Amino acid sequence: MSDVKRYIQKRAERDVEFAKNFEEGYTDFKIGVMLRQAREEAGLTQEEVARRLRTKKSAISRIENHADDVRLSTLRRYANAVGANLQIRFSQSQGV
Protein backbone atom coordinates (compact mmCIF):
# COMPACT_ATOMS: atom_id res chain seq x y z
CA MET A 1 0.00 0.00 0.00
CA SER A 2 1.36 3.42 -0.91
CA ASP A 3 2.06 6.09 1.70
CA VAL A 4 -0.79 8.19 0.32
CA LYS A 5 -3.30 5.35 0.53
CA ARG A 6 -2.11 4.51 4.04
CA TYR A 7 -2.50 8.15 5.11
CA ILE A 8 -6.01 8.36 3.61
CA GLN A 9 -7.05 5.12 5.29
CA LYS A 10 -5.75 6.15 8.71
CA ARG A 11 -7.18 9.65 8.47
CA ALA A 12 -10.57 8.30 7.35
CA GLU A 13 -10.65 5.89 10.30
CA ARG A 14 -10.28 8.70 12.83
CA ASP A 15 -12.06 11.53 11.00
CA VAL A 16 -15.58 10.73 9.77
CA GLU A 17 -16.01 14.13 8.09
CA PHE A 18 -12.76 13.66 6.15
CA ALA A 19 -13.88 10.20 5.03
CA LYS A 20 -17.25 11.47 3.82
CA ASN A 21 -15.80 14.46 1.98
CA PHE A 22 -12.96 12.42 0.50
CA GLU A 23 -15.32 9.85 -1.00
CA GLU A 24 -17.58 12.54 -2.49
CA GLY A 25 -14.64 14.47 -3.89
CA TYR A 26 -13.01 11.35 -5.26
CA THR A 27 -16.23 10.34 -7.01
CA ASP A 28 -16.48 13.76 -8.66
CA PHE A 29 -12.83 13.52 -9.69
CA LYS A 30 -13.38 10.06 -11.21
CA ILE A 31 -16.32 11.32 -13.28
CA GLY A 32 -14.18 14.10 -14.72
CA VAL A 33 -11.39 11.65 -15.52
CA MET A 34 -13.87 9.31 -17.23
CA LEU A 35 -15.21 12.16 -19.35
CA ARG A 36 -11.71 13.21 -20.41
CA GLN A 37 -10.74 9.59 -21.18
CA ALA A 38 -13.86 9.06 -23.31
CA ARG A 39 -13.05 12.24 -25.25
CA GLU A 40 -9.42 11.23 -25.75
CA GLU A 41 -10.37 7.68 -26.79
CA ALA A 42 -12.65 9.23 -29.40
CA GLY A 43 -9.64 11.20 -30.63
CA LEU A 44 -11.31 14.54 -29.94
CA THR A 45 -10.03 17.76 -28.46
CA GLN A 46 -12.02 19.88 -26.04
CA GLU A 47 -12.58 22.35 -28.87
CA GLU A 48 -14.07 19.64 -31.09
CA VAL A 49 -16.43 18.47 -28.35
CA ALA A 50 -17.37 22.08 -27.66
CA ARG A 51 -18.29 22.57 -31.32
CA ARG A 52 -20.42 19.43 -31.26
CA LEU A 53 -22.22 20.69 -28.15
CA ARG A 54 -22.44 24.24 -29.50
CA THR A 55 -20.56 25.65 -26.54
CA LYS A 56 -17.09 26.95 -25.70
CA LYS A 57 -13.92 25.02 -24.93
CA SER A 58 -13.92 26.56 -21.45
CA ALA A 59 -17.29 24.91 -20.76
CA ILE A 60 -15.88 21.50 -21.70
CA SER A 61 -12.86 22.10 -19.50
CA ARG A 62 -15.15 23.04 -16.60
CA ILE A 63 -17.23 19.88 -17.13
CA GLU A 64 -14.12 17.69 -17.11
CA ASN A 65 -12.48 19.42 -14.15
CA HIS A 66 -15.51 20.17 -11.97
CA ALA A 67 -17.84 17.25 -12.60
CA ASP A 68 -19.52 17.69 -9.22
CA ASP A 69 -22.19 19.95 -10.68
CA VAL A 70 -22.95 18.48 -14.10
CA ARG A 71 -26.54 17.88 -15.14
CA LEU A 72 -27.55 14.46 -16.35
CA SER A 73 -28.73 15.99 -19.63
CA THR A 74 -25.25 17.48 -20.13
CA LEU A 75 -23.61 14.11 -19.46
CA ARG A 76 -25.91 12.52 -22.06
CA ARG A 77 -25.05 15.18 -24.64
CA TYR A 78 -21.33 14.88 -23.84
CA ALA A 79 -21.45 11.09 -24.20
CA ASN A 80 -23.25 11.43 -27.52
CA ALA A 81 -20.69 13.99 -28.73
CA VAL A 82 -17.80 11.60 -28.06
CA GLY A 83 -19.64 8.57 -29.45
CA ALA A 84 -20.13 6.92 -26.08
CA ASN A 85 -23.09 5.41 -24.27
CA LEU A 86 -23.91 6.87 -20.85
CA GLN A 87 -24.63 4.21 -18.23
CA ILE A 88 -25.48 4.92 -14.62
CA ARG A 89 -25.36 2.36 -11.85
CA PHE A 90 -25.79 2.44 -8.12
CA SER A 91 -23.68 0.58 -5.60
CA GLN A 92 -23.98 0.28 -1.85
CA SER A 93 -22.11 2.81 0.22
CA GLN A 94 -19.51 1.41 2.57
CA GLY A 95 -21.29 3.07 5.51
CA VAL A 96 -24.68 1.44 4.83
PDB file of N, CA and C in Angstrom:
ATOM      1  N   MET A   1       0.848  -1.171   0.000  1.00  0.00           N
ATOM      2  CA  MET A   1       0.000   0.000   0.000  1.00  0.00           C
ATOM      3  C   MET A   1       0.899   1.242   0.000  1.00  0.00           C
ATOM      4  N   SER A   2       0.539   2.211  -0.823  1.00  0.00           N
ATOM      5  CA  SER A   2       1.359   3.421  -0.910  1.00  0.00           C
ATOM      6  C   SER A   2       1.191   4.276   0.346  1.00  0.00           C
ATOM      7  N   ASP A   3       2.133   5.182   0.549  1.00  0.00           N
ATOM      8  CA  ASP A   3       2.062   6.091   1.698  1.00  0.00           C
ATOM      9  C   ASP A   3       0.796   6.939   1.652  1.00  0.00           C
ATOM     10  N   VAL A   4       0.417   7.364   0.454  1.00  0.00           N
ATOM     11  CA  VAL A   4      -0.788   8.194   0.319  1.00  0.00           C
ATOM     12  C   VAL A   4      -2.026   7.402   0.707  1.00  0.00           C
ATOM     13  N   LYS A   5      -2.141   6.187   0.199  1.00  0.00           N
ATOM     14  CA  LYS A   5      -3.304   5.354   0.534  1.00  0.00           C
ATOM     15  C   LYS A   5      -3.336   5.043   2.032  1.00  0.00           C
ATOM     16  N   ARG A   6      -2.185   4.797   2.601  1.00  0.00           N
ATOM     17  CA  ARG A   6      -2.107   4.510   4.036  1.00  0.00           C
ATOM     18  C   ARG A   6      -2.556   5.734   4.841  1.00  0.00           C
ATOM     19  N   TYR A   7      -2.096   6.915   4.435  1.00  0.00           N
ATOM     20  CA  TYR A   7      -2.504   8.155   5.108  1.00  0.00           C
ATOM     21  C   TYR A   7      -4.020   8.347   5.007  1.00  0.00           C
ATOM     22  N   ILE A   8      -4.567   8.178   3.809  1.00  0.00           N
ATOM     23  CA  ILE A   8      -6.007   8.362   3.607  1.00  0.00           C
ATOM     24  C   ILE A   8      -6.791   7.385   4.463  1.00  0.00           C
ATOM     25  N   GLN A   9      -6.357   6.134   4.494  1.00  0.00           N
ATOM     26  CA  GLN A   9      -7.052   5.118   5.289  1.00  0.00           C
ATOM     27  C   GLN A   9      -7.027   5.467   6.776  1.00  0.00           C
ATOM     28  N   LYS A  10      -5.859   5.829   7.287  1.00  0.00           N
ATOM     29  CA  LYS A  10      -5.751   6.147   8.714  1.00  0.00           C
ATOM     30  C   LYS A  10      -6.535   7.402   9.063  1.00  0.00           C
ATOM     31  N   ARG A  11      -6.454   8.407   8.212  1.00  0.00           N
ATOM     32  CA  ARG A  11      -7.181   9.650   8.469  1.00  0.00           C
ATOM     33  C   ARG A  11      -8.692   9.401   8.432  1.00  0.00           C
ATOM     34  N   ALA A  12      -9.146   8.604   7.476  1.00  0.00           N
ATOM     35  CA  ALA A  12     -10.570   8.303   7.353  1.00  0.00           C
ATOM     36  C   ALA A  12     -11.079   7.523   8.559  1.00  0.00           C
ATOM     37  N   GLU A  13     -10.246   6.672   9.131  1.00  0.00           N
ATOM     38  CA  GLU A  13     -10.648   5.888  10.299  1.00  0.00           C
ATOM     39  C   GLU A  13     -10.880   6.763  11.528  1.00  0.00           C
ATOM     40  N   ARG A  14     -10.147   7.854  11.638  1.00  0.00           N
ATOM     41  CA  ARG A  14     -10.280   8.698  12.828  1.00  0.00           C
ATOM     42  C   ARG A  14     -11.068   9.983  12.590  1.00  0.00           C
ATOM     43  N   ASP A  15     -11.381  10.287  11.322  1.00  0.00           N
ATOM     44  CA  ASP A  15     -12.062  11.535  11.000  1.00  0.00           C
ATOM     45  C   ASP A  15     -13.208  11.256  10.028  1.00  0.00           C
ATOM     46  N   VAL A  16     -14.407  11.090  10.565  1.00  0.00           N
ATOM     47  CA  VAL A  16     -15.584  10.728   9.769  1.00  0.00           C
ATOM     48  C   VAL A  16     -15.869  11.779   8.695  1.00  0.00           C
ATOM     49  N   GLU A  17     -15.745  13.044   9.047  1.00  0.00           N
ATOM     50  CA  GLU A  17     -16.010  14.127   8.092  1.00  0.00           C
ATOM     51  C   GLU A  17     -15.033  14.066   6.912  1.00  0.00           C
ATOM     52  N   PHE A  18     -13.763  13.803   7.207  1.00  0.00           N
ATOM     53  CA  PHE A  18     -12.765  13.655   6.147  1.00  0.00           C
ATOM     54  C   PHE A  18     -13.152  12.505   5.231  1.00  0.00           C
ATOM     55  N   ALA A  19     -13.528  11.384   5.815  1.00  0.00           N
ATOM     56  CA  ALA A  19     -13.877  10.201   5.027  1.00  0.00           C
ATOM     57  C   ALA A  19     -15.043  10.498   4.100  1.00  0.00           C
ATOM     58  N   LYS A  20     -16.068  11.149   4.627  1.00  0.00           N
ATOM     59  CA  LYS A  20     -17.245  11.475   3.822  1.00  0.00           C
ATOM     60  C   LYS A  20     -16.868  12.414   2.685  1.00  0.00           C
ATOM     61  N   ASN A  21     -16.166  13.484   3.001  1.00  0.00           N
ATOM     62  CA  ASN A  21     -15.800  14.461   1.981  1.00  0.00           C
ATOM     63  C   ASN A  21     -14.817  13.892   0.972  1.00  0.00           C
ATOM     64  N   PHE A  22     -13.926  13.028   1.416  1.00  0.00           N
ATOM     65  CA  PHE A  22     -12.962  12.420   0.498  1.00  0.00           C
ATOM     66  C   PHE A  22     -13.682  11.567  -0.528  1.00  0.00           C
ATOM     67  N   GLU A  23     -14.600  10.729  -0.071  1.00  0.00           N
ATOM     68  CA  GLU A  23     -15.318   9.852  -1.000  1.00  0.00           C
ATOM     69  C   GLU A  23     -16.113  10.659  -2.017  1.00  0.00           C
ATOM     70  N   GLU A  24     -16.811  11.699  -1.567  1.00  0.00           N
ATOM     71  CA  GLU A  24     -17.582  12.541  -2.491  1.00  0.00           C
ATOM     72  C   GLU A  24     -16.663  13.223  -3.489  1.00  0.00           C
ATOM     73  N   GLY A  25     -15.574  13.785  -3.009  1.00  0.00           N
ATOM     74  CA  GLY A  25     -14.636  14.468  -3.892  1.00  0.00           C
ATOM     75  C   GLY A  25     -13.978  13.516  -4.866  1.00  0.00           C
ATOM     76  N   TYR A  26     -13.644  12.331  -4.394  1.00  0.00           N
ATOM     77  CA  TYR A  26     -13.007  11.350  -5.263  1.00  0.00           C
ATOM     78  C   TYR A  26     -13.965  10.883  -6.349  1.00  0.00           C
ATOM     79  N   THR A  27     -15.229  10.732  -6.019  1.00  0.00           N
ATOM     80  CA  THR A  27     -16.233  10.341  -7.008  1.00  0.00           C
ATOM     81  C   THR A  27     -16.346  11.401  -8.090  1.00  0.00           C
ATOM     82  N   ASP A  28     -16.408  12.665  -7.689  1.00  0.00           N
ATOM     83  CA  ASP A  28     -16.477  13.758  -8.656  1.00  0.00           C
ATOM     84  C   ASP A  28     -15.237  13.760  -9.546  1.00  0.00           C
ATOM     85  N   PHE A  29     -14.077  13.554  -8.944  1.00  0.00           N
ATOM     86  CA  PHE A  29     -12.827  13.517  -9.689  1.00  0.00           C
ATOM     87  C   PHE A  29     -12.855  12.390 -10.719  1.00  0.00           C
ATOM     88  N   LYS A  30     -13.328  11.207 -10.306  1.00  0.00           N
ATOM     89  CA  LYS A  30     -13.378  10.060 -11.210  1.00  0.00           C
ATOM     90  C   LYS A  30     -14.290  10.329 -12.398  1.00  0.00           C
ATOM     91  N   ILE A  31     -15.408  11.003 -12.181  1.00  0.00           N
ATOM     92  CA  ILE A  31     -16.320  11.321 -13.281  1.00  0.00           C
ATOM     93  C   ILE A  31     -15.611  12.204 -14.294  1.00  0.00           C
ATOM     94  N   GLY A  32     -14.918  13.223 -13.819  1.00  0.00           N
ATOM     95  CA  GLY A  32     -14.181  14.099 -14.721  1.00  0.00           C
ATOM     96  C   GLY A  32     -13.126  13.354 -15.514  1.00  0.00           C
ATOM     97  N   VAL A  33     -12.418  12.452 -14.849  1.00  0.00           N
ATOM     98  CA  VAL A  33     -11.394  11.648 -15.521  1.00  0.00           C
ATOM     99  C   VAL A  33     -12.040  10.760 -16.578  1.00  0.00           C
ATOM    100  N   MET A  34     -13.176  10.163 -16.265  1.00  0.00           N
ATOM    101  CA  MET A  34     -13.872   9.308 -17.226  1.00  0.00           C
ATOM    102  C   MET A  34     -14.322  10.101 -18.447  1.00  0.00           C
ATOM    103  N   LEU A  35     -14.802  11.327 -18.231  1.00  0.00           N
ATOM    104  CA  LEU A  35     -15.207  12.163 -19.352  1.00  0.00           C
ATOM    105  C   LEU A  35     -14.010  12.471 -20.251  1.00  0.00           C
ATOM    106  N   ARG A  36     -12.913  12.883 -19.633  1.00  0.00           N
ATOM    107  CA  ARG A  36     -11.712  13.207 -20.412  1.00  0.00           C
ATOM    108  C   ARG A  36     -11.212  11.977 -21.175  1.00  0.00           C
ATOM    109  N   GLN A  37     -11.211  10.807 -20.516  1.00  0.00           N
ATOM    110  CA  GLN A  37     -10.745   9.586 -21.177  1.00  0.00           C
ATOM    111  C   GLN A  37     -11.632   9.223 -22.361  1.00  0.00           C
ATOM    112  N   ALA A  38     -12.939   9.370 -22.199  1.00  0.00           N
ATOM    113  CA  ALA A  38     -13.865   9.064 -23.305  1.00  0.00           C
ATOM    114  C   ALA A  38     -13.589   9.998 -24.489  1.00  0.00           C
ATOM    115  N   ARG A  39     -13.340  11.269 -24.193  1.00  0.00           N
ATOM    116  CA  ARG A  39     -13.049  12.240 -25.247  1.00  0.00           C
ATOM    117  C   ARG A  39     -11.744  11.883 -25.948  1.00  0.00           C
ATOM    118  N   GLU A  40     -10.719  11.566 -25.170  1.00  0.00           N
ATOM    119  CA  GLU A  40      -9.422  11.233 -25.752  1.00  0.00           C
ATOM    120  C   GLU A  40      -9.479   9.933 -26.548  1.00  0.00           C
ATOM    121  N   GLU A  41     -10.229   8.944 -26.059  1.00  0.00           N
ATOM    122  CA  GLU A  41     -10.372   7.676 -26.788  1.00  0.00           C
ATOM    123  C   GLU A  41     -11.084   7.885 -28.114  1.00  0.00           C
ATOM    124  N   ALA A  42     -11.960   8.898 -28.156  1.00  0.00           N
ATOM    125  CA  ALA A  42     -12.651   9.231 -29.404  1.00  0.00           C
ATOM    126  C   ALA A  42     -11.751  10.047 -30.326  1.00  0.00           C
ATOM    127  N   GLY A  43     -10.568  10.429 -29.825  1.00  0.00           N
ATOM    128  CA  GLY A  43      -9.636  11.198 -30.632  1.00  0.00           C
ATOM    129  C   GLY A  43     -10.057  12.638 -30.816  1.00  0.00           C
ATOM    130  N   LEU A  44     -10.786  13.179 -29.838  1.00  0.00           N
ATOM    131  CA  LEU A  44     -11.313  14.537 -29.940  1.00  0.00           C
ATOM    132  C   LEU A  44     -10.618  15.475 -28.964  1.00  0.00           C
ATOM    133  N   THR A  45     -10.526  16.722 -29.353  1.00  0.00           N
ATOM    134  CA  THR A  45     -10.031  17.758 -28.459  1.00  0.00           C
ATOM    135  C   THR A  45     -11.225  18.384 -27.736  1.00  0.00           C
ATOM    136  N   GLN A  46     -10.940  19.164 -26.724  1.00  0.00           N
ATOM    137  CA  GLN A  46     -12.016  19.881 -26.036  1.00  0.00           C
ATOM    138  C   GLN A  46     -12.723  20.829 -26.998  1.00  0.00           C
ATOM    139  N   GLU A  47     -11.978  21.435 -27.891  1.00  0.00           N
ATOM    140  CA  GLU A  47     -12.580  22.348 -28.866  1.00  0.00           C
ATOM    141  C   GLU A  47     -13.556  21.618 -29.779  1.00  0.00           C
ATOM    142  N   GLU A  48     -13.195  20.412 -30.210  1.00  0.00           N
ATOM    143  CA  GLU A  48     -14.073  19.644 -31.093  1.00  0.00           C
ATOM    144  C   GLU A  48     -15.356  19.245 -30.369  1.00  0.00           C
ATOM    145  N   VAL A  49     -15.224  18.822 -29.121  1.00  0.00           N
ATOM    146  CA  VAL A  49     -16.428  18.467 -28.350  1.00  0.00           C
ATOM    147  C   VAL A  49     -17.281  19.711 -28.138  1.00  0.00           C
ATOM    148  N   ALA A  50     -16.641  20.825 -27.853  1.00  0.00           N
ATOM    149  CA  ALA A  50     -17.374  22.080 -27.663  1.00  0.00           C
ATOM    150  C   ALA A  50     -18.171  22.437 -28.911  1.00  0.00           C
ATOM    151  N   ARG A  51     -17.563  22.281 -30.071  1.00  0.00           N
ATOM    152  CA  ARG A  51     -18.287  22.565 -31.323  1.00  0.00           C
ATOM    153  C   ARG A  51     -19.498  21.658 -31.463  1.00  0.00           C
ATOM    154  N   ARG A  52     -19.319  20.390 -31.144  1.00  0.00           N
ATOM    155  CA  ARG A  52     -20.422  19.435 -31.263  1.00  0.00           C
ATOM    156  C   ARG A  52     -21.563  19.764 -30.294  1.00  0.00           C
ATOM    157  N   LEU A  53     -21.207  20.331 -29.151  1.00  0.00           N
ATOM    158  CA  LEU A  53     -22.223  20.687 -28.155  1.00  0.00           C
ATOM    159  C   LEU A  53     -22.670  22.141 -28.275  1.00  0.00           C
ATOM    160  N   ARG A  54     -22.131  22.820 -29.266  1.00  0.00           N
ATOM    161  CA  ARG A  54     -22.443  24.238 -29.499  1.00  0.00           C
ATOM    162  C   ARG A  54     -22.184  25.076 -28.244  1.00  0.00           C
ATOM    163  N   THR A  55     -20.979  24.909 -27.718  1.00  0.00           N
ATOM    164  CA  THR A  55     -20.560  25.655 -26.539  1.00  0.00           C
ATOM    165  C   THR A  55     -19.093  26.040 -26.705  1.00  0.00           C
ATOM    166  N   LYS A  56     -18.493  26.522 -25.649  1.00  0.00           N
ATOM    167  CA  LYS A  56     -17.094  26.949 -25.697  1.00  0.00           C
ATOM    168  C   LYS A  56     -16.181  25.894 -25.077  1.00  0.00           C
ATOM    169  N   LYS A  57     -14.922  25.934 -25.473  1.00  0.00           N
ATOM    170  CA  LYS A  57     -13.916  25.018 -24.930  1.00  0.00           C
ATOM    171  C   LYS A  57     -13.843  25.138 -23.414  1.00  0.00           C
ATOM    172  N   SER A  58     -13.989  26.354 -22.897  1.00  0.00           N
ATOM    173  CA  SER A  58     -13.915  26.556 -21.449  1.00  0.00           C
ATOM    174  C   SER A  58     -15.037  25.802 -20.724  1.00  0.00           C
ATOM    175  N   ALA A  59     -16.185  25.662 -21.366  1.00  0.00           N
ATOM    176  CA  ALA A  59     -17.293  24.908 -20.762  1.00  0.00           C
ATOM    177  C   ALA A  59     -16.947  23.423 -20.681  1.00  0.00           C
ATOM    178  N   ILE A  60     -16.289  22.908 -21.710  1.00  0.00           N
ATOM    179  CA  ILE A  60     -15.880  21.499 -21.703  1.00  0.00           C
ATOM    180  C   ILE A  60     -14.817  21.273 -20.635  1.00  0.00           C
ATOM    181  N   SER A  61     -13.889  22.195 -20.532  1.00  0.00           N
ATOM    182  CA  SER A  61     -12.860  22.104 -19.499  1.00  0.00           C
ATOM    183  C   SER A  61     -13.495  22.104 -18.112  1.00  0.00           C
ATOM    184  N   ARG A  62     -14.467  22.961 -17.895  1.00  0.00           N
ATOM    185  CA  ARG A  62     -15.153  23.043 -16.600  1.00  0.00           C
ATOM    186  C   ARG A  62     -15.887  21.731 -16.299  1.00  0.00           C
ATOM    187  N   ILE A  63     -16.520  21.156 -17.314  1.00  0.00           N
ATOM    188  CA  ILE A  63     -17.227  19.875 -17.129  1.00  0.00           C
ATOM    189  C   ILE A  63     -16.234  18.788 -16.717  1.00  0.00           C
ATOM    190  N   GLU A  64     -15.099  18.737 -17.394  1.00  0.00           N
ATOM    191  CA  GLU A  64     -14.119  17.689 -17.106  1.00  0.00           C
ATOM    192  C   GLU A  64     -13.398  17.894 -15.779  1.00  0.00           C
ATOM    193  N   ASN A  65     -13.245  19.131 -15.365  1.00  0.00           N
ATOM    194  CA  ASN A  65     -12.480  19.420 -14.150  1.00  0.00           C
ATOM    195  C   ASN A  65     -13.331  19.678 -12.917  1.00  0.00           C
ATOM    196  N   HIS A  66     -14.611  19.906 -13.100  1.00  0.00           N
ATOM    197  CA  HIS A  66     -15.510  20.169 -11.968  1.00  0.00           C
ATOM    198  C   HIS A  66     -16.807  19.404 -12.181  1.00  0.00           C
ATOM    199  N   ALA A  67     -16.701  18.098 -12.262  1.00  0.00           N
ATOM    200  CA  ALA A  67     -17.836  17.249 -12.599  1.00  0.00           C
ATOM    201  C   ALA A  67     -18.834  17.109 -11.460  1.00  0.00           C
ATOM    202  N   ASP A  68     -18.618  17.809 -10.356  1.00  0.00           N
ATOM    203  CA  ASP A  68     -19.517  17.687  -9.217  1.00  0.00           C
ATOM    204  C   ASP A  68     -20.867  18.353  -9.454  1.00  0.00           C
ATOM    205  N   ASP A  69     -20.956  19.204 -10.457  1.00  0.00           N
ATOM    206  CA  ASP A  69     -22.194  19.947 -10.678  1.00  0.00           C
ATOM    207  C   ASP A  69     -22.641  19.864 -12.141  1.00  0.00           C
ATOM    208  N   VAL A  70     -22.579  18.668 -12.705  1.00  0.00           N
ATOM    209  CA  VAL A  70     -22.946  18.477 -14.099  1.00  0.00           C
ATOM    210  C   VAL A  70     -24.336  17.850 -14.158  1.00  0.00           C
ATOM    211  N   ARG A  71     -25.186  18.432 -14.972  1.00  0.00           N
ATOM    212  CA  ARG A  71     -26.538  17.882 -15.137  1.00  0.00           C
ATOM    213  C   ARG A  71     -26.491  16.570 -15.921  1.00  0.00           C
ATOM    214  N   LEU A  72     -27.447  15.731 -15.643  1.00  0.00           N
ATOM    215  CA  LEU A  72     -27.553  14.463 -16.351  1.00  0.00           C
ATOM    216  C   LEU A  72     -27.734  14.704 -17.850  1.00  0.00           C
ATOM    217  N   SER A  73     -28.519  15.689 -18.206  1.00  0.00           N
ATOM    218  CA  SER A  73     -28.727  15.992 -19.627  1.00  0.00           C
ATOM    219  C   SER A  73     -27.414  16.393 -20.301  1.00  0.00           C
ATOM    220  N   THR A  74     -26.556  17.095 -19.583  1.00  0.00           N
ATOM    221  CA  THR A  74     -25.255  17.480 -20.128  1.00  0.00           C
ATOM    222  C   THR A  74     -24.374  16.257 -20.300  1.00  0.00           C
ATOM    223  N   LEU A  75     -24.397  15.350 -19.337  1.00  0.00           N
ATOM    224  CA  LEU A  75     -23.615  14.112 -19.459  1.00  0.00           C
ATOM    225  C   LEU A  75     -24.077  13.301 -20.664  1.00  0.00           C
ATOM    226  N   ARG A  76     -25.381  13.252 -20.893  1.00  0.00           N
ATOM    227  CA  ARG A  76     -25.911  12.519 -22.060  1.00  0.00           C
ATOM    228  C   ARG A  76     -25.414  13.146 -23.356  1.00  0.00           C
ATOM    229  N   ARG A  77     -25.491  14.469 -23.436  1.00  0.00           N
ATOM    230  CA  ARG A  77     -25.046  15.177 -24.639  1.00  0.00           C
ATOM    231  C   ARG A  77     -23.540  15.000 -24.847  1.00  0.00           C
ATOM    232  N   TYR A  78     -22.776  15.071 -23.766  1.00  0.00           N
ATOM    233  CA  TYR A  78     -21.330  14.881 -23.841  1.00  0.00           C
ATOM    234  C   TYR A  78     -21.024  13.477 -24.361  1.00  0.00           C
ATOM    235  N   ALA A  79     -21.672  12.469 -23.774  1.00  0.00           N
ATOM    236  CA  ALA A  79     -21.453  11.086 -24.204  1.00  0.00           C
ATOM    237  C   ALA A  79     -21.768  10.935 -25.682  1.00  0.00           C
ATOM    238  N   ASN A  80     -22.873  11.498 -26.114  1.00  0.00           N
ATOM    239  CA  ASN A  80     -23.249  11.428 -27.518  1.00  0.00           C
ATOM    240  C   ASN A  80     -22.200  12.101 -28.397  1.00  0.00           C
ATOM    241  N   ALA A  81     -21.678  13.240 -27.960  1.00  0.00           N
ATOM    242  CA  ALA A  81     -20.686  13.987 -28.728  1.00  0.00           C
ATOM    243  C   ALA A  81     -19.393  13.208 -28.913  1.00  0.00           C
ATOM    244  N   VAL A  82     -19.039  12.375 -27.950  1.00  0.00           N
ATOM    245  CA  VAL A  82     -17.801  11.596 -28.060  1.00  0.00           C
ATOM    246  C   VAL A  82     -18.061  10.169 -28.538  1.00  0.00           C
ATOM    247  N   GLY A  83     -19.296   9.891 -28.924  1.00  0.00           N
ATOM    248  CA  GLY A  83     -19.636   8.570 -29.450  1.00  0.00           C
ATOM    249  C   GLY A  83     -19.698   7.488 -28.401  1.00  0.00           C
ATOM    250  N   ALA A  84     -20.064   7.884 -27.179  1.00  0.00           N
ATOM    251  CA  ALA A  84     -20.130   6.924 -26.079  1.00  0.00           C
ATOM    252  C   ALA A  84     -21.578   6.732 -25.635  1.00  0.00           C
ATOM    253  N   ASN A  85     -21.787   5.713 -24.835  1.00  0.00           N
ATOM    254  CA  ASN A  85     -23.093   5.409 -24.275  1.00  0.00           C
ATOM    255  C   ASN A  85     -23.036   5.679 -22.777  1.00  0.00           C
ATOM    256  N   LEU A  86     -23.885   6.554 -22.274  1.00  0.00           N
ATOM    257  CA  LEU A  86     -23.913   6.866 -20.848  1.00  0.00           C
ATOM    258  C   LEU A  86     -24.664   5.768 -20.104  1.00  0.00           C
ATOM    259  N   GLN A  87     -24.013   5.218 -19.086  1.00  0.00           N
ATOM    260  CA  GLN A  87     -24.635   4.210 -18.229  1.00  0.00           C
ATOM    261  C   GLN A  87     -24.466   4.655 -16.789  1.00  0.00           C
ATOM    262  N   ILE A  88     -25.525   4.541 -16.020  1.00  0.00           N
ATOM    263  CA  ILE A  88     -25.480   4.917 -14.617  1.00  0.00           C
ATOM    264  C   ILE A  88     -25.818   3.692 -13.790  1.00  0.00           C
ATOM    265  N   ARG A  89     -25.053   3.488 -12.717  1.00  0.00           N
ATOM    266  CA  ARG A  89     -25.364   2.358 -11.846  1.00  0.00           C
ATOM    267  C   ARG A  89     -25.163   2.784 -10.401  1.00  0.00           C
ATOM    268  N   PHE A  90     -25.885   2.167  -9.543  1.00  0.00           N
ATOM    269  CA  PHE A  90     -25.789   2.439  -8.119  1.00  0.00           C
ATOM    270  C   PHE A  90     -25.068   1.286  -7.443  1.00  0.00           C
ATOM    271  N   SER A  91     -24.301   1.604  -6.410  1.00  0.00           N
ATOM    272  CA  SER A  91     -23.684   0.578  -5.600  1.00  0.00           C
ATOM    273  C   SER A  91     -23.845   0.974  -4.141  1.00  0.00           C
ATOM    274  N   GLN A  92     -23.806   0.010  -3.274  1.00  0.00           N
ATOM    275  CA  GLN A  92     -23.985   0.277  -1.847  1.00  0.00           C
ATOM    276  C   GLN A  92     -22.831   1.092  -1.311  1.00  0.00           C
ATOM    277  N   SER A  93     -23.154   2.044  -0.471  1.00  0.00           N
ATOM    278  CA  SER A  93     -22.110   2.813   0.217  1.00  0.00           C
ATOM    279  C   SER A  93     -21.469   1.925   1.257  1.00  0.00           C
ATOM    280  N   GLN A  94     -20.218   2.204   1.578  1.00  0.00           N
ATOM    281  CA  GLN A  94     -19.515   1.406   2.570  1.00  0.00           C
ATOM    282  C   GLN A  94     -20.116   1.612   3.967  1.00  0.00           C
ATOM    283  N   GLY A  95     -20.736   2.774   4.190  1.00  0.00           N
ATOM    284  CA  GLY A  95     -21.288   3.068   5.506  1.00  0.00           C
ATOM    285  C   GLY A  95     -22.697   2.545   5.720  1.00  0.00           C
ATOM    286  N   VAL A  96     -23.289   1.913   4.707  1.00  0.00           N
ATOM    287  CA  VAL A  96     -24.676   1.442   4.830  1.00  0.00           C
ATOM    288  C   VAL A  96     -24.713  -0.020   5.161  1.00  0.00           C
TER     289      VAL A  96
END
